[in-house]
Amino acid sequence: MSDEKQPEIVIRNEPDKHRYTIEADGHQVGFTQYTDRGQQRVFLHTEIDPAEEGRGYGSALMAGVLGQVREAGLRAVPICPFMAGYLERHHEFDDVVDPATIELRASLR
């Protein structure tokens, strides 16, 4: 058991910037960008600060974002490879995920 204090994690939607951010103890450590297509929130790109990698912030961001998508009654579409990889391992979000179709991908160009 570690005595290390766990940071306070906050996931925020910034709709004006089309992204969710993750903060650890008030410091932004990553984000994921999206665009909306009707009831689908299409996730395009995710970044975690390289200095903060390996601390679970990416997974925390994905879980928080997908929870917010579910609460909003939206559908998540993973174009972003990071989110797609997360969803391959976390089937508890299968109920809110739509596939990234060829047509959808073409419409984003």
PDB file of N, CA and C in Angstrom:
ATOM      1  N   MET A   1       0.847  -1.182   0.000  1.00  0.00           N
ATOM      2  CA  MET A   1       0.000   0.000   0.000  1.00  0.00           C
ATOM      3  C   MET A   1       0.887   1.237   0.000  1.00  0.00           C
ATOM      4  N   SER A   2       0.542   2.179  -0.849  1.00  0.00           N
ATOM      5  CA  SER A   2       1.333   3.391  -1.002  1.00  0.00           C
ATOM      6  C   SER A   2       0.764   4.506  -0.127  1.00  0.00           C
ATOM      7  N   ASP A   3       1.675   5.311   0.426  1.00  0.00           N
ATOM      8  CA  ASP A   3       1.265   6.472   1.206  1.00  0.00           C
ATOM      9  C   ASP A   3       1.092   7.697   0.320  1.00  0.00           C
ATOM     10  N   GLU A   4       1.385   7.543  -0.984  1.00  0.00           N
ATOM     11  CA  GLU A   4       1.300   8.667  -1.902  1.00  0.00           C
ATOM     12  C   GLU A   4      -0.141   9.136  -2.034  1.00  0.00           C
ATOM     13  N   LYS A   5      -0.358  10.444  -1.871  1.00  0.00           N
ATOM     14  CA  LYS A   5      -1.684  11.038  -1.985  1.00  0.00           C
ATOM     15  C   LYS A   5      -2.143  10.984  -3.433  1.00  0.00           C
ATOM     16  N   GLN A   6      -3.369  10.525  -3.656  1.00  0.00           N
ATOM     17  CA  GLN A   6      -3.951  10.480  -4.989  1.00  0.00           C
ATOM     18  C   GLN A   6      -4.405  11.892  -5.378  1.00  0.00           C
ATOM     19  N   PRO A   7      -4.097  12.319  -6.590  1.00  0.00           N
ATOM     20  CA  PRO A   7      -4.506  13.663  -7.000  1.00  0.00           C
ATOM     21  C   PRO A   7      -6.019  13.762  -7.175  1.00  0.00           C
ATOM     22  N   GLU A   8      -6.542  14.956  -7.019  1.00  0.00           N
ATOM     23  CA  GLU A   8      -7.951  15.208  -7.290  1.00  0.00           C
ATOM     24  C   GLU A   8      -8.112  15.354  -8.805  1.00  0.00           C
ATOM     25  N   ILE A   9      -8.940  14.494  -9.386  1.00  0.00           N
ATOM     26  CA  ILE A   9      -9.146  14.453 -10.831  1.00  0.00           C
ATOM     27  C   ILE A   9     -10.467  15.145 -11.175  1.00  0.00           C
ATOM     28  N   VAL A  10     -10.423  16.027 -12.162  1.00  0.00           N
ATOM     29  CA  VAL A  10     -11.623  16.710 -12.647  1.00  0.00           C
ATOM     30  C   VAL A  10     -11.654  16.589 -14.169  1.00  0.00           C
ATOM     31  N   ILE A  11     -12.794  16.139 -14.687  1.00  0.00           N
ATOM     32  CA  ILE A  11     -13.014  16.048 -16.135  1.00  0.00           C
ATOM     33  C   ILE A  11     -14.012  17.147 -16.486  1.00  0.00           C
ATOM     34  N   ARG A  12     -13.624  18.026 -17.415  1.00  0.00           N
ATOM     35  CA  ARG A  12     -14.488  19.136 -17.805  1.00  0.00           C
ATOM     36  C   ARG A  12     -14.775  19.108 -19.298  1.00  0.00           C
ATOM     37  N   ASN A  13     -16.031  19.355 -19.632  1.00  0.00           N
ATOM     38  CA  ASN A  13     -16.393  19.550 -21.031  1.00  0.00           C
ATOM     39  C   ASN A  13     -16.251  21.041 -21.325  1.00  0.00           C
ATOM     40  N   GLU A  14     -15.546  21.359 -22.404  1.00  0.00           N
ATOM     41  CA  GLU A  14     -15.421  22.739 -22.868  1.00  0.00           C
ATOM     42  C   GLU A  14     -16.072  22.805 -24.252  1.00  0.00           C
ATOM     43  N   PRO A  15     -17.413  22.916 -24.297  1.00  0.00           N
ATOM     44  CA  PRO A  15     -18.122  22.834 -25.571  1.00  0.00           C
ATOM     45  C   PRO A  15     -17.682  23.886 -26.583  1.00  0.00           C
ATOM     46  N   ASP A  16     -17.290  25.072 -26.131  1.00  0.00           N
ATOM     47  CA  ASP A  16     -16.853  26.116 -27.061  1.00  0.00           C
ATOM     48  C   ASP A  16     -15.559  25.742 -27.771  1.00  0.00           C
ATOM     49  N   LYS A  17     -14.774  24.835 -27.166  1.00  0.00           N
ATOM     50  CA  LYS A  17     -13.520  24.362 -27.769  1.00  0.00           C
ATOM     51  C   LYS A  17     -13.650  22.942 -28.310  1.00  0.00           C
ATOM     52  N   HIS A  18     -14.835  22.337 -28.166  1.00  0.00           N
ATOM     53  CA  HIS A  18     -15.107  20.967 -28.623  1.00  0.00           C
ATOM     54  C   HIS A  18     -14.093  19.990 -28.026  1.00  0.00           C
ATOM     55  N   ARG A  19     -13.947  20.046 -26.714  1.00  0.00           N
ATOM     56  CA  ARG A  19     -13.022  19.130 -26.059  1.00  0.00           C
ATOM     57  C   ARG A  19     -13.388  18.943 -24.595  1.00  0.00           C
ATOM     58  N   TYR A  20     -12.921  17.827 -24.077  1.00  0.00           N
ATOM     59  CA  TYR A  20     -12.955  17.549 -22.651  1.00  0.00           C
ATOM     60  C   TYR A  20     -11.514  17.639 -22.167  1.00  0.00           C
ATOM     61  N   THR A  21     -11.339  18.186 -20.976  1.00  0.00           N
ATOM     62  CA  THR A  21     -10.006  18.235 -20.379  1.00  0.00           C
ATOM     63  C   THR A  21      -9.997  17.417 -19.109  1.00  0.00           C
ATOM     64  N   ILE A  22      -8.803  16.986 -18.727  1.00  0.00           N
ATOM     65  CA  ILE A  22      -8.613  16.329 -17.442  1.00  0.00           C
ATOM     66  C   ILE A  22      -7.581  17.127 -16.666  1.00  0.00           C
ATOM     67  N   GLU A  23      -7.937  17.420 -15.413  1.00  0.00           N
ATOM     68  CA  GLU A  23      -7.043  18.122 -14.510  1.00  0.00           C
ATOM     69  C   GLU A  23      -6.712  17.216 -13.335  1.00  0.00           C
ATOM     70  N   ALA A  24      -5.474  17.300 -12.901  1.00  0.00           N
ATOM     71  CA  ALA A  24      -5.025  16.604 -11.692  1.00  0.00           C
ATOM     72  C   ALA A  24      -4.519  17.679 -10.737  1.00  0.00           C
ATOM     73  N   ASP A  25      -5.185  17.809  -9.595  1.00  0.00           N
ATOM     74  CA  ASP A  25      -4.858  18.845  -8.609  1.00  0.00           C
ATOM     75  C   ASP A  25      -4.788  20.232  -9.249  1.00  0.00           C
ATOM     76  N   GLY A  26      -5.755  20.525 -10.133  1.00  0.00           N
ATOM     77  CA  GLY A  26      -5.862  21.838 -10.732  1.00  0.00           C
ATOM     78  C   GLY A  26      -4.956  22.099 -11.924  1.00  0.00           C
ATOM     79  N   HIS A  27      -4.178  21.107 -12.323  1.00  0.00           N
ATOM     80  CA  HIS A  27      -3.244  21.252 -13.443  1.00  0.00           C
ATOM     81  C   HIS A  27      -3.744  20.396 -14.601  1.00  0.00           C
ATOM     82  N   GLN A  28      -3.939  21.021 -15.783  1.00  0.00           N
ATOM     83  CA  GLN A  28      -4.409  20.248 -16.934  1.00  0.00           C
ATOM     84  C   GLN A  28      -3.324  19.278 -17.387  1.00  0.00           C
ATOM     85  N   VAL A  29      -3.704  17.993 -17.487  1.00  0.00           N
ATOM     86  CA  VAL A  29      -2.747  16.958 -17.893  1.00  0.00           C
ATOM     87  C   VAL A  29      -3.122  16.295 -19.213  1.00  0.00           C
ATOM     88  N   GLY A  30      -4.270  16.660 -19.784  1.00  0.00           N
ATOM     89  CA  GLY A  30      -4.655  16.068 -21.055  1.00  0.00           C
ATOM     90  C   GLY A  30      -6.000  16.565 -21.534  1.00  0.00           C
ATOM     91  N   PHE A  31      -6.352  16.107 -22.761  1.00  0.00           N
ATOM     92  CA  PHE A  31      -7.632  16.483 -23.346  1.00  0.00           C
ATOM     93  C   PHE A  31      -7.994  15.488 -24.444  1.00  0.00           C
ATOM     94  N   THR A  32      -9.265  15.507 -24.815  1.00  0.00           N
ATOM     95  CA  THR A  32      -9.737  14.781 -25.984  1.00  0.00           C
ATOM     96  C   THR A  32     -10.657  15.710 -26.769  1.00  0.00           C
ATOM     97  N   GLN A  33     -10.447  15.790 -28.078  1.00  0.00           N
ATOM     98  CA  GLN A  33     -11.241  16.653 -28.946  1.00  0.00           C
ATOM     99  C   GLN A  33     -12.377  15.861 -29.578  1.00  0.00           C
ATOM    100  N   TYR A  34     -13.486  16.570 -29.847  1.00  0.00           N
ATOM    101  CA  TYR A  34     -14.637  15.923 -30.471  1.00  0.00           C
ATOM    102  C   TYR A  34     -15.350  16.879 -31.407  1.00  0.00           C
ATOM    103  N   THR A  35     -16.215  16.311 -32.213  1.00  0.00           N
ATOM    104  CA  THR A  35     -17.174  17.062 -33.007  1.00  0.00           C
ATOM    105  C   THR A  35     -18.508  16.336 -32.872  1.00  0.00           C
ATOM    106  N   ASP A  36     -19.587  17.080 -32.949  1.00  0.00           N
ATOM    107  CA  ASP A  36     -20.910  16.472 -32.830  1.00  0.00           C
ATOM    108  C   ASP A  36     -21.545  16.311 -34.197  1.00  0.00           C
ATOM    109  N   ARG A  37     -22.179  15.151 -34.397  1.00  0.00           N
ATOM    110  CA  ARG A  37     -22.965  14.845 -35.595  1.00  0.00           C
ATOM    111  C   ARG A  37     -24.304  14.329 -35.093  1.00  0.00           C
ATOM    112  N   GLY A  38     -25.283  15.233 -34.970  1.00  0.00           N
ATOM    113  CA  GLY A  38     -26.574  14.838 -34.411  1.00  0.00           C
ATOM    114  C   GLY A  38     -26.397  14.381 -32.968  1.00  0.00           C
ATOM    115  N   GLN A  39     -26.839  13.183 -32.678  1.00  0.00           N
ATOM    116  CA  GLN A  39     -26.726  12.624 -31.321  1.00  0.00           C
ATOM    117  C   GLN A  39     -25.403  11.892 -31.090  1.00  0.00           C
ATOM    118  N   GLN A  40     -24.522  11.943 -32.073  1.00  0.00           N
ATOM    119  CA  GLN A  40     -23.219  11.287 -31.945  1.00  0.00           C
ATOM    120  C   GLN A  40     -22.142  12.310 -31.589  1.00  0.00           C
ATOM    121  N   ARG A  41     -21.357  11.989 -30.583  1.00  0.00           N
ATOM    122  CA  ARG A  41     -20.176  12.773 -30.241  1.00  0.00           C
ATOM    123  C   ARG A  41     -18.988  11.977 -30.768  1.00  0.00           C
ATOM    124  N   VAL A  42     -18.349  12.509 -31.795  1.00  0.00           N
ATOM    125  CA  VAL A  42     -17.277  11.828 -32.511  1.00  0.00           C
ATOM    126  C   VAL A  42     -15.940  12.284 -31.939  1.00  0.00           C
ATOM    127  N   PHE A  43     -15.202  11.348 -31.370  1.00  0.00           N
ATOM    128  CA  PHE A  43     -13.929  11.669 -30.723  1.00  0.00           C
ATOM    129  C   PHE A  43     -12.790  11.520 -31.729  1.00  0.00           C
ATOM    130  N   LEU A  44     -12.049  12.618 -31.893  1.00  0.00           N
ATOM    131  CA  LEU A  44     -11.069  12.726 -32.959  1.00  0.00           C
ATOM    132  C   LEU A  44      -9.626  12.535 -32.515  1.00  0.00           C
ATOM    133  N   HIS A  45      -9.284  13.031 -31.336  1.00  0.00           N
ATOM    134  CA  HIS A  45      -7.881  13.055 -30.931  1.00  0.00           C
ATOM    135  C   HIS A  45      -7.793  13.189 -29.416  1.00  0.00           C
ATOM    136  N   THR A  46      -6.827  12.479 -28.828  1.00  0.00           N
ATOM    137  CA  THR A  46      -6.585  12.555 -27.384  1.00  0.00           C
ATOM    138  C   THR A  46      -5.105  12.758 -27.150  1.00  0.00           C
ATOM    139  N   GLU A  47      -4.796  13.603 -26.176  1.00  0.00           N
ATOM    140  CA  GLU A  47      -3.404  13.818 -25.779  1.00  0.00           C
ATOM    141  C   GLU A  47      -3.305  13.848 -24.262  1.00  0.00           C
ATOM    142  N   ILE A  48      -2.255  13.213 -23.766  1.00  0.00           N
ATOM    143  CA  ILE A  48      -1.877  13.307 -22.354  1.00  0.00           C
ATOM    144  C   ILE A  48      -0.478  13.899 -22.331  1.00  0.00           C
ATOM    145  N   ASP A  49      -0.257  14.837 -21.423  1.00  0.00           N
ATOM    146  CA  ASP A  49       1.056  15.458 -21.275  1.00  0.00           C
ATOM    147  C   ASP A  49       2.103  14.356 -21.113  1.00  0.00           C
ATOM    148  N   PRO A  50       3.144  14.337 -21.963  1.00  0.00           N
ATOM    149  CA  PRO A  50       4.158  13.279 -21.870  1.00  0.00           C
ATOM    150  C   PRO A  50       4.783  13.142 -20.474  1.00  0.00           C
ATOM    151  N   ALA A  51       4.882  14.231 -19.746  1.00  0.00           N
ATOM    152  CA  ALA A  51       5.435  14.185 -18.388  1.00  0.00           C
ATOM    153  C   ALA A  51       4.495  13.476 -17.411  1.00  0.00           C
ATOM    154  N   GLU A  52       3.237  13.295 -17.814  1.00  0.00           N
ATOM    155  CA  GLU A  52       2.228  12.692 -16.929  1.00  0.00           C
ATOM    156  C   GLU A  52       1.808  11.294 -17.378  1.00  0.00           C
ATOM    157  N   GLU A  53       2.398  10.784 -18.454  1.00  0.00           N
ATOM    158  CA  GLU A  53       2.022   9.466 -18.960  1.00  0.00           C
ATOM    159  C   GLU A  53       2.322   8.375 -17.938  1.00  0.00           C
ATOM    160  N   GLY A  54       1.537   7.308 -18.002  1.00  0.00           N
ATOM    161  CA  GLY A  54       1.745   6.164 -17.123  1.00  0.00           C
ATOM    162  C   GLY A  54       1.106   6.302 -15.756  1.00  0.00           C
ATOM    163  N   ARG A  55       0.356   7.338 -15.533  1.00  0.00           N
ATOM    164  CA  ARG A  55      -0.289   7.565 -14.228  1.00  0.00           C
ATOM    165  C   ARG A  55      -1.785   7.289 -14.252  1.00  0.00           C
ATOM    166  N   GLY A  56      -2.285   6.801 -15.398  1.00  0.00           N
ATOM    167  CA  GLY A  56      -3.696   6.447 -15.500  1.00  0.00           C
ATOM    168  C   GLY A  56      -4.608   7.590 -15.894  1.00  0.00           C
ATOM    169  N   TYR A  57      -4.031   8.739 -16.257  1.00  0.00           N
ATOM    170  CA  TYR A  57      -4.876   9.882 -16.607  1.00  0.00           C
ATOM    171  C   TYR A  57      -5.648   9.652 -17.899  1.00  0.00           C
ATOM    172  N   GLY A  58      -5.057   8.972 -18.855  1.00  0.00           N
ATOM    173  CA  GLY A  58      -5.763   8.686 -20.097  1.00  0.00           C
ATOM    174  C   GLY A  58      -6.997   7.841 -19.851  1.00  0.00           C
ATOM    175  N   SER A  59      -6.848   6.803 -19.054  1.00  0.00           N
ATOM    176  CA  SER A  59      -7.992   5.941 -18.727  1.00  0.00           C
ATOM    177  C   SER A  59      -9.040   6.696 -17.926  1.00  0.00           C
ATOM    178  N   ALA A  60      -8.596   7.526 -16.994  1.00  0.00           N
ATOM    179  CA  ALA A  60      -9.537   8.323 -16.205  1.00  0.00           C
ATOM    180  C   ALA A  60     -10.302   9.291 -17.099  1.00  0.00           C
ATOM    181  N   LEU A  61      -9.604   9.884 -18.065  1.00  0.00           N
ATOM    182  CA  LEU A  61     -10.253  10.792 -19.005  1.00  0.00           C
ATOM    183  C   LEU A  61     -11.312  10.050 -19.818  1.00  0.00           C
ATOM    184  N   MET A  62     -10.956   8.890 -20.363  1.00  0.00           N
ATOM    185  CA  MET A  62     -11.903   8.134 -21.185  1.00  0.00           C
ATOM    186  C   MET A  62     -13.128   7.730 -20.372  1.00  0.00           C
ATOM    187  N   ALA A  63     -12.927   7.210 -19.170  1.00  0.00           N
ATOM    188  CA  ALA A  63     -14.052   6.783 -18.335  1.00  0.00           C
ATOM    189  C   ALA A  63     -14.951   7.970 -17.988  1.00  0.00           C
ATOM    190  N   GLY A  64     -14.351   9.097 -17.646  1.00  0.00           N
ATOM    191  CA  GLY A  64     -15.130  10.276 -17.299  1.00  0.00           C
ATOM    192  C   GLY A  64     -15.907  10.825 -18.472  1.00  0.00           C
ATOM    193  N   VAL A  65     -15.261  10.896 -19.619  1.00  0.00           N
ATOM    194  CA  VAL A  65     -15.902  11.399 -20.832  1.00  0.00           C
ATOM    195  C   VAL A  65     -17.056  10.491 -21.237  1.00  0.00           C
ATOM    196  N   LEU A  66     -16.819   9.202 -21.263  1.00  0.00           N
ATOM    197  CA  LEU A  66     -17.867   8.267 -21.674  1.00  0.00           C
ATOM    198  C   LEU A  66     -19.037   8.282 -20.696  1.00  0.00           C
ATOM    199  N   GLY A  67     -18.753   8.470 -19.431  1.00  0.00           N
ATOM    200  CA  GLY A  67     -19.828   8.622 -18.441  1.00  0.00           C
ATOM    201  C   GLY A  67     -20.659   9.863 -18.719  1.00  0.00           C
ATOM    202  N   GLN A  68     -20.002  10.962 -19.071  1.00  0.00           N
ATOM    203  CA  GLN A  68     -20.722  12.190 -19.382  1.00  0.00           C
ATOM    204  C   GLN A  68     -21.532  12.049 -20.677  1.00  0.00           C
ATOM    205  N   VAL A  69     -20.975  11.349 -21.651  1.00  0.00           N
ATOM    206  CA  VAL A  69     -21.705  11.092 -22.898  1.00  0.00           C
ATOM    207  C   VAL A  69     -22.980  10.303 -22.586  1.00  0.00           C
ATOM    208  N   ARG A  70     -22.844   9.289 -21.753  1.00  0.00           N
ATOM    209  CA  ARG A  70     -24.004   8.466 -21.368  1.00  0.00           C
ATOM    210  C   ARG A  70     -25.055   9.330 -20.668  1.00  0.00           C
ATOM    211  N   GLU A  71     -24.626  10.133 -19.705  1.00  0.00           N
ATOM    212  CA  GLU A  71     -25.555  10.977 -18.945  1.00  0.00           C
ATOM    213  C   GLU A  71     -26.282  11.977 -19.843  1.00  0.00           C
ATOM    214  N   ALA A  72     -25.610  12.446 -20.904  1.00  0.00           N
ATOM    215  CA  ALA A  72     -26.208  13.416 -21.824  1.00  0.00           C
ATOM    216  C   ALA A  72     -27.123  12.756 -22.853  1.00  0.00           C
ATOM    217  N   GLY A  73     -27.184  11.424 -22.856  1.00  0.00           N
ATOM    218  CA  GLY A  73     -28.022  10.717 -23.812  1.00  0.00           C
ATOM    219  C   GLY A  73     -27.457  10.718 -25.228  1.00  0.00           C
ATOM    220  N   LEU A  74     -26.126  10.864 -25.329  1.00  0.00           N
ATOM    221  CA  LEU A  74     -25.460  10.880 -26.621  1.00  0.00           C
ATOM    222  C   LEU A  74     -24.837   9.524 -26.918  1.00  0.00           C
ATOM    223  N   ARG A  75     -24.288   9.397 -28.111  1.00  0.00           N
ATOM    224  CA  ARG A  75     -23.580   8.203 -28.545  1.00  0.00           C
ATOM    225  C   ARG A  75     -22.130   8.599 -28.807  1.00  0.00           C
ATOM    226  N   ALA A  76     -21.179   7.784 -28.412  1.00  0.00           N
ATOM    227  CA  ALA A  76     -19.755   8.034 -28.644  1.00  0.00           C
ATOM    228  C   ALA A  76     -19.294   7.271 -29.881  1.00  0.00           C
ATOM    229  N   VAL A  77     -18.510   7.953 -30.718  1.00  0.00           N
ATOM    230  CA  VAL A  77     -17.928   7.323 -31.902  1.00  0.00           C
ATOM    231  C   VAL A  77     -16.417   7.514 -31.814  1.00  0.00           C
ATOM    232  N   PRO A  78     -15.666   6.424 -31.668  1.00  0.00           N
ATOM    233  CA  PRO A  78     -14.218   6.541 -31.503  1.00  0.00           C
ATOM    234  C   PRO A  78     -13.443   6.549 -32.817  1.00  0.00           C
ATOM    235  N   ILE A  79     -13.124   7.740 -33.325  1.00  0.00           N
ATOM    236  CA  ILE A  79     -12.184   7.871 -34.436  1.00  0.00           C
ATOM    237  C   ILE A  79     -10.764   7.841 -33.858  1.00  0.00           C
ATOM    238  N   CYS A  80     -10.609   8.452 -32.709  1.00  0.00           N
ATOM    239  CA  CYS A  80      -9.326   8.525 -32.004  1.00  0.00           C
ATOM    240  C   CYS A  80      -8.832   7.123 -31.632  1.00  0.00           C
ATOM    241  N   PRO A  81      -7.608   6.769 -32.019  1.00  0.00           N
ATOM    242  CA  PRO A  81      -7.079   5.443 -31.690  1.00  0.00           C
ATOM    243  C   PRO A  81      -6.984   5.178 -30.187  1.00  0.00           C
ATOM    244  N   PHE A  82      -6.714   6.225 -29.403  1.00  0.00           N
ATOM    245  CA  PHE A  82      -6.624   6.036 -27.950  1.00  0.00           C
ATOM    246  C   PHE A  82      -7.969   5.602 -27.393  1.00  0.00           C
ATOM    247  N   MET A  83      -9.035   6.304 -27.789  1.00  0.00           N
ATOM    248  CA  MET A  83     -10.362   5.934 -27.292  1.00  0.00           C
ATOM    249  C   MET A  83     -10.768   4.564 -27.820  1.00  0.00           C
ATOM    250  N   ALA A  84     -10.489   4.282 -29.083  1.00  0.00           N
ATOM    251  CA  ALA A  84     -10.841   2.974 -29.650  1.00  0.00           C
ATOM    252  C   ALA A  84     -10.159   1.856 -28.867  1.00  0.00           C
ATOM    253  N   GLY A  85      -8.888   2.034 -28.532  1.00  0.00           N
ATOM    254  CA  GLY A  85      -8.164   1.037 -27.746  1.00  0.00           C
ATOM    255  C   GLY A  85      -8.748   0.871 -26.358  1.00  0.00           C
ATOM    256  N   TYR A  86      -9.117   1.984 -25.746  1.00  0.00           N
ATOM    257  CA  TYR A  86      -9.736   1.928 -24.418  1.00  0.00           C
ATOM    258  C   TYR A  86     -11.036   1.131 -24.481  1.00  0.00           C
ATOM    259  N   LEU A  87     -11.846   1.403 -25.491  1.00  0.00           N
ATOM    260  CA  LEU A  87     -13.140   0.728 -25.602  1.00  0.00           C
ATOM    261  C   LEU A  87     -13.005  -0.767 -25.891  1.00  0.00           C
ATOM    262  N   GLU A  88     -11.925  -1.175 -26.523  1.00  0.00           N
ATOM    263  CA  GLU A  88     -11.692  -2.607 -26.749  1.00  0.00           C
ATOM    264  C   GLU A  88     -11.494  -3.356 -25.432  1.00  0.00           C
ATOM    265  N   ARG A  89     -11.032  -2.651 -24.419  1.00  0.00           N
ATOM    266  CA  ARG A  89     -10.762  -3.273 -23.114  1.00  0.00           C
ATOM    267  C   ARG A  89     -11.844  -2.986 -22.069  1.00  0.00           C
ATOM    268  N   HIS A  90     -12.759  -2.070 -22.372  1.00  0.00           N
ATOM    269  CA  HIS A  90     -13.754  -1.634 -21.380  1.00  0.00           C
ATOM    270  C   HIS A  90     -15.154  -1.724 -21.983  1.00  0.00           C
ATOM    271  N   HIS A  91     -15.723  -2.902 -21.902  1.00  0.00           N
ATOM    272  CA  HIS A  91     -17.025  -3.163 -22.517  1.00  0.00           C
ATOM    273  C   HIS A  91     -18.199  -2.618 -21.718  1.00  0.00           C
ATOM    274  N   GLU A  92     -17.928  -2.025 -20.566  1.00  0.00           N
ATOM    275  CA  GLU A  92     -19.020  -1.427 -19.788  1.00  0.00           C
ATOM    276  C   GLU A  92     -19.607  -0.200 -20.478  1.00  0.00           C
ATOM    277  N   PHE A  93     -18.954   0.266 -21.544  1.00  0.00           N
ATOM    278  CA  PHE A  93     -19.466   1.409 -22.300  1.00  0.00           C
ATOM    279  C   PHE A  93     -20.054   1.009 -23.650  1.00  0.00           C
ATOM    280  N   ASP A  94     -20.155  -0.268 -23.920  1.00  0.00           N
ATOM    281  CA  ASP A  94     -20.671  -0.731 -25.218  1.00  0.00           C
ATOM    282  C   ASP A  94     -22.059  -0.161 -25.531  1.00  0.00           C
ATOM    283  N   ASP A  95     -22.847   0.115 -24.497  1.00  0.00           N
ATOM    284  CA  ASP A  95     -24.208   0.602 -24.706  1.00  0.00           C
ATOM    285  C   ASP A  95     -24.281   2.025 -25.253  1.00  0.00           C
ATOM    286  N   VAL A  96     -23.170   2.761 -25.263  1.00  0.00           N
ATOM    287  CA  VAL A  96     -23.186   4.144 -25.760  1.00  0.00           C
ATOM    288  C   VAL A  96     -22.272   4.351 -26.964  1.00  0.00           C
ATOM    289  N   VAL A  97     -21.740   3.267 -27.519  1.00  0.00           N
ATOM    290  CA  VAL A  97     -20.755   3.391 -28.600  1.00  0.00           C
ATOM    291  C   VAL A  97     -21.361   2.997 -29.941  1.00  0.00           C
ATOM    292  N   ASP A  98     -21.103   3.851 -30.933  1.00  0.00           N
ATOM    293  CA  ASP A  98     -21.451   3.552 -32.323  1.00  0.00           C
ATOM    294  C   ASP A  98     -20.151   3.344 -33.096  1.00  0.00           C
ATOM    295  N   PRO A  99     -20.180   2.528 -34.133  1.00  0.00           N
ATOM    296  CA  PRO A  99     -18.961   2.297 -34.921  1.00  0.00           C
ATOM    297  C   PRO A  99     -18.599   3.533 -35.749  1.00  0.00           C
ATOM    298  N   ALA A 100     -17.329   3.651 -36.040  1.00  0.00           N
ATOM    299  CA  ALA A 100     -16.830   4.719 -36.918  1.00  0.00           C
ATOM    300  C   ALA A 100     -16.952   4.225 -38.352  1.00  0.00           C
ATOM    301  N   THR A 101     -18.048   4.541 -38.988  1.00  0.00           N
ATOM    302  CA  THR A 101     -18.317   4.046 -40.341  1.00  0.00           C
ATOM    303  C   THR A 101     -17.466   4.782 -41.376  1.00  0.00           C
ATOM    304  N   ILE A 102     -17.361   4.179 -42.548  1.00  0.00           N
ATOM    305  CA  ILE A 102     -16.641   4.796 -43.659  1.00  0.00           C
ATOM    306  C   ILE A 102     -17.302   6.125 -44.031  1.00  0.00           C
ATOM    307  N   GLU A 103     -18.624   6.155 -44.046  1.00  0.00           N
ATOM    308  CA  GLU A 103     -19.349   7.373 -44.384  1.00  0.00           C
ATOM    309  C   GLU A 103     -19.070   8.489 -43.387  1.00  0.00           C
ATOM    310  N   LEU A 104     -19.058   8.142 -42.114  1.00  0.00           N
ATOM    311  CA  LEU A 104     -18.768   9.147 -41.093  1.00  0.00           C
ATOM    312  C   LEU A 104     -17.345   9.670 -41.246  1.00  0.00           C
ATOM    313  N   ARG A 105     -16.402   8.764 -41.413  1.00  0.00           N
ATOM    314  CA  ARG A 105     -15.010   9.187 -41.589  1.00  0.00           C
ATOM    315  C   ARG A 105     -14.872  10.111 -42.798  1.00  0.00           C
ATOM    316  N   ALA A 106     -15.552   9.776 -43.898  1.00  0.00           N
ATOM    317  CA  ALA A 106     -15.470  10.606 -45.110  1.00  0.00           C
ATOM    318  C   ALA A 106     -16.078  11.994 -44.862  1.00  0.00           C
ATOM    319  N   SER A 107     -17.115  12.068 -44.040  1.00  0.00           N
ATOM    320  CA  SER A 107     -17.753  13.352 -43.785  1.00  0.00           C
ATOM    321  C   SER A 107     -16.893  14.285 -42.939  1.00  0.00           C
ATOM    322  N   LEU A 108     -15.881  13.756 -42.301  1.00  0.00           N
ATOM    323  CA  LEU A 108     -15.000  14.561 -41.438  1.00  0.00           C
ATOM    324  C   LEU A 108     -13.855  15.206 -42.202  1.00  0.00           C
ATOM    325  N   ARG A 109     -13.678  14.829 -43.460  1.00  0.00           N
ATOM    326  CA  ARG A 109     -12.542  15.355 -44.242  1.00  0.00           C
ATOM    327  C   ARG A 109     -12.811  16.724 -44.787  1.00  0.00           C
TER     328      ARG A 109
END
